[in-house]
Structure formats: C-alpha cells, structure tokens
C-alpha cells in the first residue's frame, strides 16, 4: 500500500508561507489549485498585501 504525503505533512506551515511569499504572482494563480490550504493561504489578505506591496517597490 502506497501512502501519499502532502507537502504540509513534511514542511512546516511557516516555511510554506515563506516559500509562497517568494513566488511570482503569475505562478501563484496556478498554485491555487495545489490544495485547499494553499488556496486559502494565497487568497489570504496577508498574502495579497505582501504581493501588492512588492509590486510598488
């Protein structure tokens, strides 16, 4: 029996947040379909604010 592990099972949530912060917005749109957790994280106001501020720098 093969057990599938999700990234969230191996990588701490805080590290996932830092990874997502460094991904270009175009890619984030595609990554929203990776998992419900990633969609929520990418759609969060904190993530949107972070990427919006980066666009203005």
PDB file of N, CA and C in Angstrom:
ATOM      1  N   UNK A   1       0.837  -1.174   0.000  1.00  0.00           N
ATOM      2  CA  UNK A   1       0.000   0.000   0.000  1.00  0.00           C
ATOM      3  C   UNK A   1       0.888   1.246   0.000  1.00  0.00           C
ATOM      4  N   UNK A   2       0.625   2.138  -0.941  1.00  0.00           N
ATOM      5  CA  UNK A   2       1.412   3.365  -1.059  1.00  0.00           C
ATOM      6  C   UNK A   2       0.726   4.488  -0.276  1.00  0.00           C
ATOM      7  N   UNK A   3       1.493   5.160   0.565  1.00  0.00           N
ATOM      8  CA  UNK A   3       0.956   6.277   1.333  1.00  0.00           C
ATOM      9  C   UNK A   3       1.434   7.571   0.689  1.00  0.00           C
ATOM     10  N   UNK A   4       0.493   8.438   0.363  1.00  0.00           N
ATOM     11  CA  UNK A   4       0.848   9.721  -0.234  1.00  0.00           C
ATOM     12  C   UNK A   4       0.965  10.770   0.863  1.00  0.00           C
ATOM     13  N   UNK A   5       2.062  11.488   0.840  1.00  0.00           N
ATOM     14  CA  UNK A   5       2.263  12.564   1.798  1.00  0.00           C
ATOM     15  C   UNK A   5       2.092  13.897   1.096  1.00  0.00           C
ATOM     16  N   UNK A   6       1.452  14.804   1.768  1.00  0.00           N
ATOM     17  CA  UNK A   6       1.314  16.149   1.239  1.00  0.00           C
ATOM     18  C   UNK A   6       2.504  16.972   1.728  1.00  0.00           C
ATOM     19  N   UNK A   7       2.782  18.046   1.015  1.00  0.00           N
ATOM     20  CA  UNK A   7       3.870  18.915   1.443  1.00  0.00           C
ATOM     21  C   UNK A   7       3.635  19.379   2.873  1.00  0.00           C
ATOM     22  N   UNK A   8       2.383  19.612   3.226  1.00  0.00           N
ATOM     23  CA  UNK A   8       2.073  20.095   4.568  1.00  0.00           C
ATOM     24  C   UNK A   8       2.413  19.062   5.642  1.00  0.00           C
ATOM     25  N   UNK A   9       2.569  17.812   5.243  1.00  0.00           N
ATOM     26  CA  UNK A   9       2.959  16.771   6.193  1.00  0.00           C
ATOM     27  C   UNK A   9       4.466  16.805   6.472  1.00  0.00           C
ATOM     28  N   UNK A  10       5.229  17.375   5.549  1.00  0.00           N
ATOM     29  CA  UNK A  10       6.684  17.364   5.664  1.00  0.00           C
ATOM     30  C   UNK A  10       7.302  18.726   5.941  1.00  0.00           C
ATOM     31  N   UNK A  11       6.638  19.772   5.508  1.00  0.00           N
ATOM     32  CA  UNK A  11       7.204  21.111   5.601  1.00  0.00           C
ATOM     33  C   UNK A  11       6.352  21.933   6.565  1.00  0.00           C
ATOM     34  N   UNK A  12       6.972  22.558   7.543  1.00  0.00           N
ATOM     35  CA  UNK A  12       6.205  23.376   8.491  1.00  0.00           C
ATOM     36  C   UNK A  12       5.436  24.493   7.775  1.00  0.00           C
ATOM     37  N   UNK A  13       4.275  24.819   8.295  1.00  0.00           N
ATOM     38  CA  UNK A  13       3.414  25.822   7.683  1.00  0.00           C
ATOM     39  C   UNK A  13       4.138  27.155   7.510  1.00  0.00           C
ATOM     40  N   UNK A  14       4.908  27.561   8.485  1.00  0.00           N
ATOM     41  CA  UNK A  14       5.627  28.838   8.418  1.00  0.00           C
ATOM     42  C   UNK A  14       6.581  28.871   7.224  1.00  0.00           C
ATOM     43  N   UNK A  15       7.205  27.744   6.941  1.00  0.00           N
ATOM     44  CA  UNK A  15       8.109  27.663   5.797  1.00  0.00           C
ATOM     45  C   UNK A  15       7.322  27.714   4.485  1.00  0.00           C
ATOM     46  N   UNK A  16       6.167  27.085   4.451  1.00  0.00           N
ATOM     47  CA  UNK A  16       5.312  27.156   3.271  1.00  0.00           C
ATOM     48  C   UNK A  16       4.925  28.608   2.988  1.00  0.00           C
ATOM     49  N   UNK A  17       4.616  29.351   4.036  1.00  0.00           N
ATOM     50  CA  UNK A  17       4.258  30.762   3.887  1.00  0.00           C
ATOM     51  C   UNK A  17       5.424  31.530   3.265  1.00  0.00           C
ATOM     52  N   UNK A  18       6.624  31.299   3.762  1.00  0.00           N
ATOM     53  CA  UNK A  18       7.808  31.993   3.239  1.00  0.00           C
ATOM     54  C   UNK A  18       8.078  31.627   1.778  1.00  0.00           C
ATOM     55  N   UNK A  19       7.849  30.386   1.435  1.00  0.00           N
ATOM     56  CA  UNK A  19       8.033  29.952   0.039  1.00  0.00           C
ATOM     57  C   UNK A  19       7.037  30.676  -0.855  1.00  0.00           C
ATOM     58  N   UNK A  20       5.788  30.703  -0.454  1.00  0.00           N
ATOM     59  CA  UNK A  20       4.740  31.323  -1.259  1.00  0.00           C
ATOM     60  C   UNK A  20       4.982  32.827  -1.409  1.00  0.00           C
ATOM     61  N   UNK A  21       5.542  33.453  -0.399  1.00  0.00           N
ATOM     62  CA  UNK A  21       5.844  34.891  -0.480  1.00  0.00           C
ATOM     63  C   UNK A  21       6.859  35.196  -1.573  1.00  0.00           C
ATOM     64  N   UNK A  22       7.676  34.237  -1.923  1.00  0.00           N
ATOM     65  CA  UNK A  22       8.745  34.457  -2.898  1.00  0.00           C
ATOM     66  C   UNK A  22       8.370  34.054  -4.329  1.00  0.00           C
ATOM     67  N   UNK A  23       7.187  33.532  -4.482  1.00  0.00           N
ATOM     68  CA  UNK A  23       6.741  33.068  -5.799  1.00  0.00           C
ATOM     69  C   UNK A  23       6.080  34.236  -6.544  1.00  0.00           C
ATOM     70  N   UNK A  24       6.378  34.394  -7.821  1.00  0.00           N
ATOM     71  CA  UNK A  24       5.740  35.460  -8.607  1.00  0.00           C
ATOM     72  C   UNK A  24       4.214  35.290  -8.653  1.00  0.00           C
ATOM     73  N   UNK A  25       3.525  36.403  -8.752  1.00  0.00           N
ATOM     74  CA  UNK A  25       2.060  36.390  -8.731  1.00  0.00           C
ATOM     75  C   UNK A  25       1.483  35.504  -9.831  1.00  0.00           C
ATOM     76  N   UNK A  26       2.050  35.545 -11.010  1.00  0.00           N
ATOM     77  CA  UNK A  26       1.538  34.713 -12.114  1.00  0.00           C
ATOM     78  C   UNK A  26       1.516  33.236 -11.722  1.00  0.00           C
ATOM     79  N   UNK A  27       2.559  32.796 -11.076  1.00  0.00           N
ATOM     80  CA  UNK A  27       2.631  31.395 -10.657  1.00  0.00           C
ATOM     81  C   UNK A  27       1.647  31.106  -9.523  1.00  0.00           C
ATOM     82  N   UNK A  28       1.450  32.070  -8.644  1.00  0.00           N
ATOM     83  CA  UNK A  28       0.516  31.874  -7.534  1.00  0.00           C
ATOM     84  C   UNK A  28      -0.889  31.562  -8.035  1.00  0.00           C
ATOM     85  N   UNK A  29      -1.271  32.197  -9.105  1.00  0.00           N
ATOM     86  CA  UNK A  29      -2.604  31.942  -9.663  1.00  0.00           C
ATOM     87  C   UNK A  29      -2.738  30.461 -10.009  1.00  0.00           C
ATOM     88  N   UNK A  30      -1.715  29.888 -10.578  1.00  0.00           N
ATOM     89  CA  UNK A  30      -1.738  28.466 -10.921  1.00  0.00           C
ATOM     90  C   UNK A  30      -1.658  27.596  -9.660  1.00  0.00           C
ATOM     91  N   UNK A  31      -0.873  28.018  -8.681  1.00  0.00           N
ATOM     92  CA  UNK A  31      -0.665  27.212  -7.478  1.00  0.00           C
ATOM     93  C   UNK A  31      -1.880  27.158  -6.565  1.00  0.00           C
ATOM     94  N   UNK A  32      -2.877  28.012  -6.821  1.00  0.00           N
ATOM     95  CA  UNK A  32      -4.088  27.979  -6.005  1.00  0.00           C
ATOM     96  C   UNK A  32      -4.782  26.623  -6.091  1.00  0.00           C
ATOM     97  N   UNK A  33      -4.528  25.883  -7.163  1.00  0.00           N
ATOM     98  CA  UNK A  33      -5.181  24.585  -7.335  1.00  0.00           C
ATOM     99  C   UNK A  33      -4.401  23.425  -6.709  1.00  0.00           C
ATOM    100  N   UNK A  34      -3.269  23.706  -6.081  1.00  0.00           N
ATOM    101  CA  UNK A  34      -2.466  22.641  -5.469  1.00  0.00           C
ATOM    102  C   UNK A  34      -3.213  21.978  -4.318  1.00  0.00           C
ATOM    103  N   UNK A  35      -3.769  22.792  -3.439  1.00  0.00           N
ATOM    104  CA  UNK A  35      -4.517  22.251  -2.297  1.00  0.00           C
ATOM    105  C   UNK A  35      -5.417  23.330  -1.723  1.00  0.00           C
ATOM    106  N   UNK A  36      -6.355  22.921  -0.914  1.00  0.00           N
ATOM    107  CA  UNK A  36      -7.246  23.885  -0.254  1.00  0.00           C
ATOM    108  C   UNK A  36      -6.452  24.801   0.667  1.00  0.00           C
ATOM    109  N   UNK A  37      -5.457  24.236   1.337  1.00  0.00           N
ATOM    110  CA  UNK A  37      -4.636  25.029   2.251  1.00  0.00           C
ATOM    111  C   UNK A  37      -3.861  26.111   1.481  1.00  0.00           C
ATOM    112  N   UNK A  38      -3.278  25.741   0.352  1.00  0.00           N
ATOM    113  CA  UNK A  38      -2.532  26.731  -0.449  1.00  0.00           C
ATOM    114  C   UNK A  38      -3.470  27.789  -1.008  1.00  0.00           C
ATOM    115  N   UNK A  39      -4.648  27.377  -1.456  1.00  0.00           N
ATOM    116  CA  UNK A  39      -5.616  28.346  -1.973  1.00  0.00           C
ATOM    117  C   UNK A  39      -5.964  29.355  -0.890  1.00  0.00           C
ATOM    118  N   UNK A  40      -6.232  28.878   0.292  1.00  0.00           N
ATOM    119  CA  UNK A  40      -6.561  29.774   1.401  1.00  0.00           C
ATOM    120  C   UNK A  40      -5.399  30.703   1.721  1.00  0.00           C
ATOM    121  N   UNK A  41      -4.211  30.158   1.724  1.00  0.00           N
ATOM    122  CA  UNK A  41      -3.023  30.947   2.025  1.00  0.00           C
ATOM    123  C   UNK A  41      -2.788  32.015   0.952  1.00  0.00           C
ATOM    124  N   UNK A  42      -2.880  31.625  -0.293  1.00  0.00           N
ATOM    125  CA  UNK A  42      -2.650  32.561  -1.407  1.00  0.00           C
ATOM    126  C   UNK A  42      -3.741  33.624  -1.445  1.00  0.00           C
ATOM    127  N   UNK A  43      -4.968  33.242  -1.134  1.00  0.00           N
ATOM    128  CA  UNK A  43      -6.087  34.186  -1.159  1.00  0.00           C
ATOM    129  C   UNK A  43      -6.182  35.037   0.108  1.00  0.00           C
ATOM    130  N   UNK A  44      -5.356  34.749   1.091  1.00  0.00           N
ATOM    131  CA  UNK A  44      -5.430  35.492   2.351  1.00  0.00           C
ATOM    132  C   UNK A  44      -5.062  36.953   2.152  1.00  0.00           C
ATOM    133  N   UNK A  45      -5.621  37.791   2.967  1.00  0.00           N
ATOM    134  CA  UNK A  45      -5.344  39.226   2.850  1.00  0.00           C
ATOM    135  C   UNK A  45      -3.863  39.523   3.098  1.00  0.00           C
ATOM    136  N   UNK A  46      -3.229  38.756   3.966  1.00  0.00           N
ATOM    137  CA  UNK A  46      -1.796  38.962   4.233  1.00  0.00           C
ATOM    138  C   UNK A  46      -0.967  38.701   2.976  1.00  0.00           C
ATOM    139  N   UNK A  47      -1.259  37.629   2.282  1.00  0.00           N
ATOM    140  CA  UNK A  47      -0.527  37.288   1.064  1.00  0.00           C
ATOM    141  C   UNK A  47      -0.770  38.325  -0.026  1.00  0.00           C
ATOM    142  N   UNK A  48      -2.011  38.725  -0.182  1.00  0.00           N
ATOM    143  CA  UNK A  48      -2.346  39.726  -1.202  1.00  0.00           C
ATOM    144  C   UNK A  48      -1.641  41.044  -0.891  1.00  0.00           C
ATOM    145  N   UNK A  49      -1.664  41.451   0.364  1.00  0.00           N
ATOM    146  CA  UNK A  49      -0.996  42.686   0.772  1.00  0.00           C
ATOM    147  C   UNK A  49       0.499  42.601   0.511  1.00  0.00           C
ATOM    148  N   UNK A  50       1.101  41.488   0.863  1.00  0.00           N
ATOM    149  CA  UNK A  50       2.543  41.304   0.658  1.00  0.00           C
ATOM    150  C   UNK A  50       2.899  41.473  -0.824  1.00  0.00           C
ATOM    151  N   UNK A  51       2.184  40.806  -1.693  1.00  0.00           N
ATOM    152  CA  UNK A  51       2.491  40.872  -3.124  1.00  0.00           C
ATOM    153  C   UNK A  51       2.151  42.239  -3.715  1.00  0.00           C
ATOM    154  N   UNK A  52       1.130  42.889  -3.204  1.00  0.00           N
ATOM    155  CA  UNK A  52       0.779  44.227  -3.664  1.00  0.00           C
ATOM    156  C   UNK A  52       1.885  45.208  -3.307  1.00  0.00           C
ATOM    157  N   UNK A  53       2.414  45.101  -2.094  1.00  0.00           N
ATOM    158  CA  UNK A  53       3.491  45.990  -1.668  1.00  0.00           C
ATOM    159  C   UNK A  53       4.744  45.753  -2.493  1.00  0.00           C
ATOM    160  N   UNK A  54       5.030  44.516  -2.826  1.00  0.00           N
ATOM    161  CA  UNK A  54       6.209  44.207  -3.643  1.00  0.00           C
ATOM    162  C   UNK A  54       6.092  44.816  -5.035  1.00  0.00           C
ATOM    163  N   UNK A  55       4.892  44.868  -5.560  1.00  0.00           N
ATOM    164  CA  UNK A  55       4.681  45.444  -6.893  1.00  0.00           C
ATOM    165  C   UNK A  55       4.959  46.942  -6.916  1.00  0.00           C
ATOM    166  N   UNK A  56       4.843  47.596  -5.766  1.00  0.00           N
ATOM    167  CA  UNK A  56       5.026  49.046  -5.696  1.00  0.00           C
ATOM    168  C   UNK A  56       6.424  49.439  -5.277  1.00  0.00           C
ATOM    169  N   UNK A  57       7.294  48.492  -5.100  1.00  0.00           N
ATOM    170  CA  UNK A  57       8.674  48.793  -4.675  1.00  0.00           C
ATOM    171  C   UNK A  57       9.555  48.941  -5.885  1.00  0.00           C
TER     172      UNK A  57
END
